[in-house]
C-alpha atoms as a PDB file:
ATOM      1  CA  UNK A   1      80.466  54.142  61.357  1.00  0.00           C
ATOM      2  CA  UNK A   2      79.972  57.498  62.761  1.00  0.00           C
ATOM      3  CA  UNK A   3      76.774  58.881  62.184  1.00  0.00           C
ATOM      4  CA  UNK A   4      74.495  61.875  63.013  1.00  0.00           C
ATOM      5  CA  UNK A   5      70.603  61.749  64.238  1.00  0.00           C
ATOM      6  CA  UNK A   6      67.828  64.773  64.471  1.00  0.00           C
ATOM      7  CA  UNK A   7      64.518  65.737  63.777  1.00  0.00           C
ATOM      8  CA  UNK A   8      63.088  67.141  60.909  1.00  0.00           C
ATOM      9  CA  UNK A   9      59.645  68.164  60.189  1.00  0.00           C
ATOM     10  CA  UNK A  10      57.610  66.791  56.864  1.00  0.00           C
ATOM     11  CA  UNK A  11      54.444  68.166  55.820  1.00  0.00           C
ATOM     12  CA  UNK A  12      51.478  65.272  55.487  1.00  0.00           C
ATOM     13  CA  UNK A  13      48.018  65.892  54.435  1.00  0.00           C
ATOM     14  CA  UNK A  14      46.807  66.387  57.906  1.00  0.00           C
ATOM     15  CA  UNK A  15      49.722  68.794  58.900  1.00  0.00           C
ATOM     16  CA  UNK A  16      53.132  68.853  59.841  1.00  0.00           C
ATOM     17  CA  UNK A  17      55.234  65.487  60.978  1.00  0.00           C
ATOM     18  CA  UNK A  18      58.634  65.035  62.874  1.00  0.00           C
ATOM     19  CA  UNK A  19      60.791  62.207  61.255  1.00  0.00           C
ATOM     20  CA  UNK A  20      63.831  61.346  63.561  1.00  0.00           C
ATOM     21  CA  UNK A  21      66.755  60.814  61.045  1.00  0.00           C
ATOM     22  CA  UNK A  22      69.942  58.944  61.566  1.00  0.00           C
ATOM     23  CA  UNK A  23      72.329  59.067  58.729  1.00  0.00           C
ATOM     24  CA  UNK A  24      76.114  57.947  58.366  1.00  0.00           C
ATOM     25  CA  UNK A  25      78.425  60.761  59.044  1.00  0.00           C
ATOM     26  CA  UNK A  26      79.289  60.591  55.528  1.00  0.00           C
ATOM     27  CA  UNK A  27      78.886  62.228  52.176  1.00  0.00           C
ATOM     28  CA  UNK A  28      77.736  59.740  50.440  1.00  0.00           C
ATOM     29  CA  UNK A  29      74.124  58.336  49.296  1.00  0.00           C
ATOM     30  CA  UNK A  30      72.536  55.495  51.784  1.00  0.00           C
ATOM     31  CA  UNK A  31      70.014  53.097  51.395  1.00  0.00           C
ATOM     32  CA  UNK A  32      66.678  54.156  53.137  1.00  0.00           C
ATOM     33  CA  UNK A  33      64.840  52.339  55.830  1.00  0.00           C
ATOM     34  CA  UNK A  34      61.557  53.473  57.326  1.00  0.00           C
ATOM     35  CA  UNK A  35      61.789  52.945  61.433  1.00  0.00           C
ATOM     36  CA  UNK A  36      58.042  52.296  62.217  1.00  0.00           C
ATOM     37  CA  UNK A  37      57.436  53.035  66.063  1.00  0.00           C
ATOM     38  CA  UNK A  38      56.419  50.518  69.173  1.00  0.00           C
ATOM     39  CA  UNK A  39      52.631  51.720  70.771  1.00  0.00           C
ATOM     40  CA  UNK A  40      55.382  54.556  72.943  1.00  0.00           C
ATOM     41  CA  UNK A  41      55.859  56.481  70.316  1.00  0.00           C
ATOM     42  CA  UNK A  42      59.624  57.490  69.087  1.00  0.00           C
ATOM     43  CA  UNK A  43      61.610  57.171  72.233  1.00  0.00           C
ATOM     44  CA  UNK A  44      65.066  56.481  72.999  1.00  0.00           C
ATOM     45  CA  UNK A  45      64.299  52.538  71.888  1.00  0.00           C
ATOM     46  CA  UNK A  46      63.090  53.820  68.195  1.00  0.00           C
ATOM     47  CA  UNK A  47      65.970  56.597  68.069  1.00  0.00           C
ATOM     48  CA  UNK A  48      68.727  54.197  68.971  1.00  0.00           C
ATOM     49  CA  UNK A  49      67.353  51.462  66.396  1.00  0.00           C
ATOM     50  CA  UNK A  50      67.599  54.033  64.363  1.00  0.00           C
ATOM     51  CA  UNK A  51      71.390  54.798  65.422  1.00  0.00           C
ATOM     52  CA  UNK A  52      72.297  50.948  65.151  1.00  0.00           C
ATOM     53  CA  UNK A  53      71.138  51.002  61.351  1.00  0.00           C
ATOM     54  CA  UNK A  54      73.004  54.226  60.575  1.00  0.00           C
ATOM     55  CA  UNK A  55      76.352  52.835  61.979  1.00  0.00           C
ATOM     56  CA  UNK A  56      75.793  50.307  59.669  1.00  0.00           C
ATOM     57  CA  UNK A  57      75.520  52.551  56.373  1.00  0.00           C
ATOM     58  CA  UNK A  58      71.718  53.079  56.328  1.00  0.00           C
ATOM     59  CA  UNK A  59      69.481  55.934  56.448  1.00  0.00           C
ATOM     60  CA  UNK A  60      67.012  55.636  59.052  1.00  0.00           C
ATOM     61  CA  UNK A  61      63.868  57.606  59.287  1.00  0.00           C
ATOM     62  CA  UNK A  62      61.268  57.393  61.613  1.00  0.00           C
ATOM     63  CA  UNK A  63      58.265  58.912  61.401  1.00  0.00           C
ATOM     64  CA  UNK A  64      56.322  60.283  64.663  1.00  0.00           C
ATOM     65  CA  UNK A  65      52.904  58.202  63.740  1.00  0.00           C
ATOM     66  CA  UNK A  66      51.598  60.492  66.796  1.00  0.00           C
ATOM     67  CA  UNK A  67      51.454  63.301  65.297  1.00  0.00           C
ATOM     68  CA  UNK A  68      48.222  64.173  64.760  1.00  0.00           C
ATOM     69  CA  UNK A  69      47.824  64.263  68.691  1.00  0.00           C
ATOM     70  CA  UNK A  70      51.096  66.564  68.837  1.00  0.00           C
ATOM     71  CA  UNK A  71      54.681  66.796  68.823  1.00  0.00           C
ATOM     72  CA  UNK A  72      57.304  64.341  70.328  1.00  0.00           C
ATOM     73  CA  UNK A  73      54.410  61.979  72.441  1.00  0.00           C
ATOM     74  CA  UNK A  74      56.029  59.066  74.171  1.00  0.00           C
ATOM     75  CA  UNK A  75      54.318  56.994  76.909  1.00  0.00           C
ATOM     76  CA  UNK A  76      55.809  55.139  79.748  1.00  0.00           C
ATOM     77  CA  UNK A  77      56.167  51.518  79.198  1.00  0.00           C
ATOM     78  CA  UNK A  78      54.396  50.426  82.235  1.00  0.00           C
ATOM     79  CA  UNK A  79      51.682  53.472  81.394  1.00  0.00           C
ATOM     80  CA  UNK A  80      48.593  51.721  79.132  1.00  0.00           C
ATOM     81  CA  UNK A  81      46.582  54.514  80.397  1.00  0.00           C
ATOM     82  CA  UNK A  82      49.276  56.779  78.441  1.00  0.00           C
ATOM     83  CA  UNK A  83      49.311  55.052  75.505  1.00  0.00           C
ATOM     84  CA  UNK A  84      46.282  53.730  74.483  1.00  0.00           C
ATOM     85  CA  UNK A  85      44.762  56.746  73.448  1.00  0.00           C
ATOM     86  CA  UNK A  86      47.177  57.192  71.357  1.00  0.00           C
ATOM     87  CA  UNK A  87      47.175  53.912  69.773  1.00  0.00           C
ATOM     88  CA  UNK A  88      43.688  53.896  69.318  1.00  0.00           C
ATOM     89  CA  UNK A  89      43.880  56.706  66.766  1.00  0.00           C
ATOM     90  CA  UNK A  90      45.802  55.263  64.353  1.00  0.00           C
ATOM     91  CA  UNK A  91      44.358  53.772  61.107  1.00  0.00           C
ATOM     92  CA  UNK A  92      45.355  51.893  57.903  1.00  0.00           C
ATOM     93  CA  UNK A  93      45.183  55.015  55.792  1.00  0.00           C
ATOM     94  CA  UNK A  94      46.974  57.269  58.169  1.00  0.00           C
ATOM     95  CA  UNK A  95      49.910  55.053  58.564  1.00  0.00           C
ATOM     96  CA  UNK A  96      50.341  54.809  54.635  1.00  0.00           C
ATOM     97  CA  UNK A  97      50.004  58.412  54.506  1.00  0.00           C
ATOM     98  CA  UNK A  98      52.456  59.086  56.985  1.00  0.00           C
ATOM     99  CA  UNK A  99      54.765  56.366  55.568  1.00  0.00           C
ATOM    100  CA  UNK A 100      54.535  58.129  52.107  1.00  0.00           C
ATOM    101  CA  UNK A 101      54.983  61.447  53.414  1.00  0.00           C
ATOM    102  CA  UNK A 102      58.297  60.508  55.297  1.00  0.00           C
ATOM    103  CA  UNK A 103      59.527  58.772  51.928  1.00  0.00           C
ATOM    104  CA  UNK A 104      58.822  61.119  50.097  1.00  0.00           C
ATOM    105  CA  UNK A 105      60.798  64.177  52.543  1.00  0.00           C
ATOM    106  CA  UNK A 106      63.460  61.421  52.517  1.00  0.00           C
ATOM    107  CA  UNK A 107      64.015  61.311  48.943  1.00  0.00           C
ATOM    108  CA  UNK A 108      64.824  64.934  48.924  1.00  0.00           C
ATOM    109  CA  UNK A 109      67.662  65.036  51.486  1.00  0.00           C
ATOM    110  CA  UNK A 110      70.631  64.420  49.632  1.00  0.00           C
ATOM    111  CA  UNK A 111      72.176  61.268  51.752  1.00  0.00           C
ATOM    112  CA  UNK A 112      69.447  58.668  50.650  1.00  0.00           C
ATOM    113  CA  UNK A 113      69.634  56.554  48.095  1.00  0.00           C
ATOM    114  CA  UNK A 114      66.009  56.057  47.351  1.00  0.00           C
ATOM    115  CA  UNK A 115      66.855  53.166  44.813  1.00  0.00           C
ATOM    116  CA  UNK A 116      66.806  50.785  47.813  1.00  0.00           C
ATOM    117  CA  UNK A 117      63.547  51.781  50.813  1.00  0.00           C
ATOM    118  CA  UNK A 118      62.627  49.103  53.315  1.00  0.00           C
ATOM    119  CA  UNK A 119      60.963  49.412  56.277  1.00  0.00           C
ATOM    120  CA  UNK A 120      61.289  47.927  59.729  1.00  0.00           C
ATOM    121  CA  UNK A 121      58.941  47.929  62.581  1.00  0.00           C
ATOM    122  CA  UNK A 122      57.791  46.831  66.239  1.00  0.00           C
ATOM    123  CA  UNK A 123      55.112  46.085  68.253  1.00  0.00           C
ATOM    124  CA  UNK A 124      52.133  48.246  66.222  1.00  0.00           C
ATOM    125  CA  UNK A 125      55.145  49.199  64.189  1.00  0.00           C
ATOM    126  CA  UNK A 126      55.609  45.561  62.774  1.00  0.00           C
ATOM    127  CA  UNK A 127      51.915  45.739  61.965  1.00  0.00           C
ATOM    128  CA  UNK A 128      52.332  48.787  60.154  1.00  0.00           C
ATOM    129  CA  UNK A 129      55.427  47.721  58.363  1.00  0.00           C
ATOM    130  CA  UNK A 130      53.447  44.547  57.288  1.00  0.00           C
ATOM    131  CA  UNK A 131      50.823  47.282  56.140  1.00  0.00           C
ATOM    132  CA  UNK A 132      53.086  49.115  53.839  1.00  0.00           C
ATOM    133  CA  UNK A 133      54.801  45.881  52.473  1.00  0.00           C
ATOM    134  CA  UNK A 134      51.794  45.114  50.906  1.00  0.00           C
ATOM    135  CA  UNK A 135      50.699  49.053  49.856  1.00  0.00           C
ATOM    136  CA  UNK A 136      53.307  50.048  49.155  1.00  0.00           C
ATOM    137  CA  UNK A 137      56.701  50.193  46.631  1.00  0.00           C
ATOM    138  CA  UNK A 138      59.235  48.667  49.555  1.00  0.00           C
ATOM    139  CA  UNK A 139      62.208  46.159  48.806  1.00  0.00           C
ATOM    140  CA  UNK A 140      62.233  44.847  52.069  1.00  0.00           C
ATOM    141  CA  UNK A 141      59.778  45.049  54.889  1.00  0.00           C
ATOM    142  CA  UNK A 142      60.257  43.330  58.419  1.00  0.00           C
ATOM    143  CA  UNK A 143      58.254  43.005  61.157  1.00  0.00           C
ATOM    144  CA  UNK A 144      58.910  42.425  64.540  1.00  0.00           C
ATOM    145  CA  UNK A 145      55.743  40.928  66.711  1.00  0.00           C
ATOM    146  CA  UNK A 146      52.976  42.855  64.970  1.00  0.00           C
ATOM    147  CA  UNK A 147      49.435  42.505  66.495  1.00  0.00           C
ATOM    148  CA  UNK A 148      46.811  42.489  64.890  1.00  0.00           C
ATOM    149  CA  UNK A 149      47.598  40.778  62.111  1.00  0.00           C
ATOM    150  CA  UNK A 150      44.644  38.139  62.094  1.00  0.00           C
ATOM    151  CA  UNK A 151      42.405  39.612  64.019  1.00  0.00           C
ATOM    152  CA  UNK A 152      40.623  42.822  64.552  1.00  0.00           C
ATOM    153  CA  UNK A 153      41.126  44.278  68.104  1.00  0.00           C
ATOM    154  CA  UNK A 154      37.949  46.116  69.571  1.00  0.00           C
ATOM    155  CA  UNK A 155      40.109  48.722  71.351  1.00  0.00           C
ATOM    156  CA  UNK A 156      41.935  49.885  67.843  1.00  0.00           C
ATOM    157  CA  UNK A 157      40.915  51.247  64.570  1.00  0.00           C
ATOM    158  CA  UNK A 158      43.340  49.023  62.864  1.00  0.00           C
ATOM    159  CA  UNK A 159      42.175  46.507  60.474  1.00  0.00           C
ATOM    160  CA  UNK A 160      43.590  43.013  60.015  1.00  0.00           C
ATOM    161  CA  UNK A 161      45.715  42.516  57.038  1.00  0.00           C
ATOM    162  CA  UNK A 162      45.276  38.789  56.149  1.00  0.00           C
ATOM    163  CA  UNK A 163      43.269  39.805  52.951  1.00  0.00           C
ATOM    164  CA  UNK A 164      46.131  42.379  52.352  1.00  0.00           C
ATOM    165  CA  UNK A 165      49.474  39.667  52.361  1.00  0.00           C
ATOM    166  CA  UNK A 166      47.620  38.378  49.214  1.00  0.00           C
ATOM    167  CA  UNK A 167      48.892  41.153  47.703  1.00  0.00           C
ATOM    168  CA  UNK A 168      52.456  41.462  49.534  1.00  0.00           C
ATOM    169  CA  UNK A 169      54.897  43.651  47.402  1.00  0.00           C
ATOM    170  CA  UNK A 170      57.832  43.430  49.661  1.00  0.00           C
ATOM    171  CA  UNK A 171      60.612  40.349  50.138  1.00  0.00           C
ATOM    172  CA  UNK A 172      59.477  40.183  53.829  1.00  0.00           C
ATOM    173  CA  UNK A 173      60.899  39.197  57.352  1.00  0.00           C
ATOM    174  CA  UNK A 174      58.903  38.449  60.444  1.00  0.00           C
ATOM    175  CA  UNK A 175      60.075  37.863  64.283  1.00  0.00           C
ATOM    176  CA  UNK A 176      57.402  36.504  66.666  1.00  0.00           C
ATOM    177  CA  UNK A 177      58.129  35.339  70.496  1.00  0.00           C
ATOM    178  CA  UNK A 178      56.730  31.936  70.903  1.00  0.00           C
ATOM    179  CA  UNK A 179      55.631  33.114  74.227  1.00  0.00           C
ATOM    180  CA  UNK A 180      53.840  36.036  73.492  1.00  0.00           C
ATOM    181  CA  UNK A 181      50.324  35.594  74.519  1.00  0.00           C
ATOM    182  CA  UNK A 182      48.660  38.442  72.244  1.00  0.00           C
ATOM    183  CA  UNK A 183      50.006  36.979  69.375  1.00  0.00           C
ATOM    184  CA  UNK A 184      49.368  32.996  69.552  1.00  0.00           C
ATOM    185  CA  UNK A 185      50.729  30.248  67.688  1.00  0.00           C
ATOM    186  CA  UNK A 186      47.744  30.196  65.621  1.00  0.00           C
ATOM    187  CA  UNK A 187      48.100  33.508  64.589  1.00  0.00           C
ATOM    188  CA  UNK A 188      51.436  32.704  63.395  1.00  0.00           C
ATOM    189  CA  UNK A 189      50.805  30.006  61.330  1.00  0.00           C
ATOM    190  CA  UNK A 190      48.050  31.763  59.714  1.00  0.00           C
ATOM    191  CA  UNK A 191      50.241  34.638  58.676  1.00  0.00           C
ATOM    192  CA  UNK A 192      52.515  32.008  57.646  1.00  0.00           C
ATOM    193  CA  UNK A 193      50.343  29.890  55.680  1.00  0.00           C
ATOM    194  CA  UNK A 194      48.955  33.337  53.447  1.00  0.00           C
ATOM    195  CA  UNK A 195      52.080  34.241  52.504  1.00  0.00           C
ATOM    196  CA  UNK A 196      53.069  30.566  51.113  1.00  0.00           C
ATOM    197  CA  UNK A 197      50.443  31.389  48.819  1.00  0.00           C
ATOM    198  CA  UNK A 198      52.368  34.344  47.247  1.00  0.00           C
ATOM    199  CA  UNK A 199      55.340  34.347  44.934  1.00  0.00           C
ATOM    200  CA  UNK A 200      57.172  36.823  47.208  1.00  0.00           C
ATOM    201  CA  UNK A 201      60.174  35.581  49.054  1.00  0.00           C
ATOM    202  CA  UNK A 202      59.726  35.584  53.252  1.00  0.00           C
ATOM    203  CA  UNK A 203      60.811  34.345  56.235  1.00  0.00           C
ATOM    204  CA  UNK A 204      59.121  33.835  59.551  1.00  0.00           C
ATOM    205  CA  UNK A 205      61.556  33.353  62.481  1.00  0.00           C
ATOM    206  CA  UNK A 206      60.169  32.475  66.273  1.00  0.00           C
ATOM    207  CA  UNK A 207      62.073  32.438  69.239  1.00  0.00           C
ATOM    208  CA  UNK A 208      60.704  30.030  71.234  1.00  0.00           C
ATOM    209  CA  UNK A 209      61.402  31.101  74.606  1.00  0.00           C
ATOM    210  CA  UNK A 210      60.435  34.865  73.636  1.00  0.00           C
ATOM    211  CA  UNK A 211      57.296  36.764  74.378  1.00  0.00           C
ATOM    212  CA  UNK A 212      56.385  40.368  72.816  1.00  0.00           C
ATOM    213  CA  UNK A 213      58.688  43.218  73.031  1.00  0.00           C
ATOM    214  CA  UNK A 214      61.508  41.092  73.491  1.00  0.00           C
ATOM    215  CA  UNK A 215      64.360  43.511  71.019  1.00  0.00           C
ATOM    216  CA  UNK A 216      63.779  46.334  73.520  1.00  0.00           C
ATOM    217  CA  UNK A 217      66.350  46.175  76.245  1.00  0.00           C
ATOM    218  CA  UNK A 218      64.238  48.707  78.310  1.00  0.00           C
ATOM    219  CA  UNK A 219      61.493  46.856  78.788  1.00  0.00           C
ATOM    220  CA  UNK A 220      61.390  43.452  81.148  1.00  0.00           C
ATOM    221  CA  UNK A 221      60.835  41.532  78.358  1.00  0.00           C
ATOM    222  CA  UNK A 222      63.892  41.850  76.765  1.00  0.00           C
ATOM    223  CA  UNK A 223      65.864  38.677  75.907  1.00  0.00           C
ATOM    224  CA  UNK A 224      69.073  39.749  74.720  1.00  0.00           C
ATOM    225  CA  UNK A 225      69.908  36.050  73.122  1.00  0.00           C
ATOM    226  CA  UNK A 226      66.834  36.588  70.475  1.00  0.00           C
ATOM    227  CA  UNK A 227      67.719  39.904  70.167  1.00  0.00           C
ATOM    228  CA  UNK A 228      70.930  39.328  69.052  1.00  0.00           C
ATOM    229  CA  UNK A 229      69.665  36.663  66.524  1.00  0.00           C
ATOM    230  CA  UNK A 230      67.488  38.957  64.972  1.00  0.00           C
ATOM    231  CA  UNK A 231      69.388  42.076  64.498  1.00  0.00           C
ATOM    232  CA  UNK A 232      71.874  39.438  62.769  1.00  0.00           C
ATOM    233  CA  UNK A 233      69.409  38.129  60.978  1.00  0.00           C
ATOM    234  CA  UNK A 234      67.583  42.071  60.403  1.00  0.00           C
ATOM    235  CA  UNK A 235      71.007  43.236  59.164  1.00  0.00           C
ATOM    236  CA  UNK A 236      71.809  40.294  56.867  1.00  0.00           C
ATOM    237  CA  UNK A 237      68.759  40.815  55.180  1.00  0.00           C
ATOM    238  CA  UNK A 238      68.893  44.262  54.691  1.00  0.00           C
ATOM    239  CA  UNK A 239      72.273  43.953  53.264  1.00  0.00           C
ATOM    240  CA  UNK A 240      72.261  41.129  50.730  1.00  0.00           C
END
């Protein structure tokens, strides 16, 4: 399916925010997927995910969560000094405000079918997606290797989600790498246990040989086999 992609600008309660929008090149309405960035911003990888979703019939919208610090801010994958100051500015409230603003903005796009709104996120976006799944009215939520869900990380203002998971509203799909040292096995088990106490359908998928960032083909941690399985599961999850 052919698609179009470009940045549009939305209003938030803290100023303007650019959102990368990709949608099928048809006149129909399409289910919406909010795409939440890695620590590195709305870069080529995040745009590519939007394009892939659009080619599958979704309207994908990736808000720039760093908009309070500037426009189109991206960091190199190997430059911790570039992304850490940006990532440390994120808060749970700010993320929720930005995703609400994104949904409100997309609501006015002629190609958006607001009867179905889902969320997918990677890295810190995986945390953000899980957060949104507990607080916002979403149909489905997908989280790829979201860190900080279980334990607070001193360098960040984000707060853990273990209590929030009790109120999760969206049908959920979590992906983790078995070799991800930033999200140990005991954290994954704690998330799974907390989800099992709810009545919301969920699935936790662990790729034993994969590590953090395995889905990104621009990172050294890229795992093509795990990526293909995860992508197939993602599409099946979103479409059914």
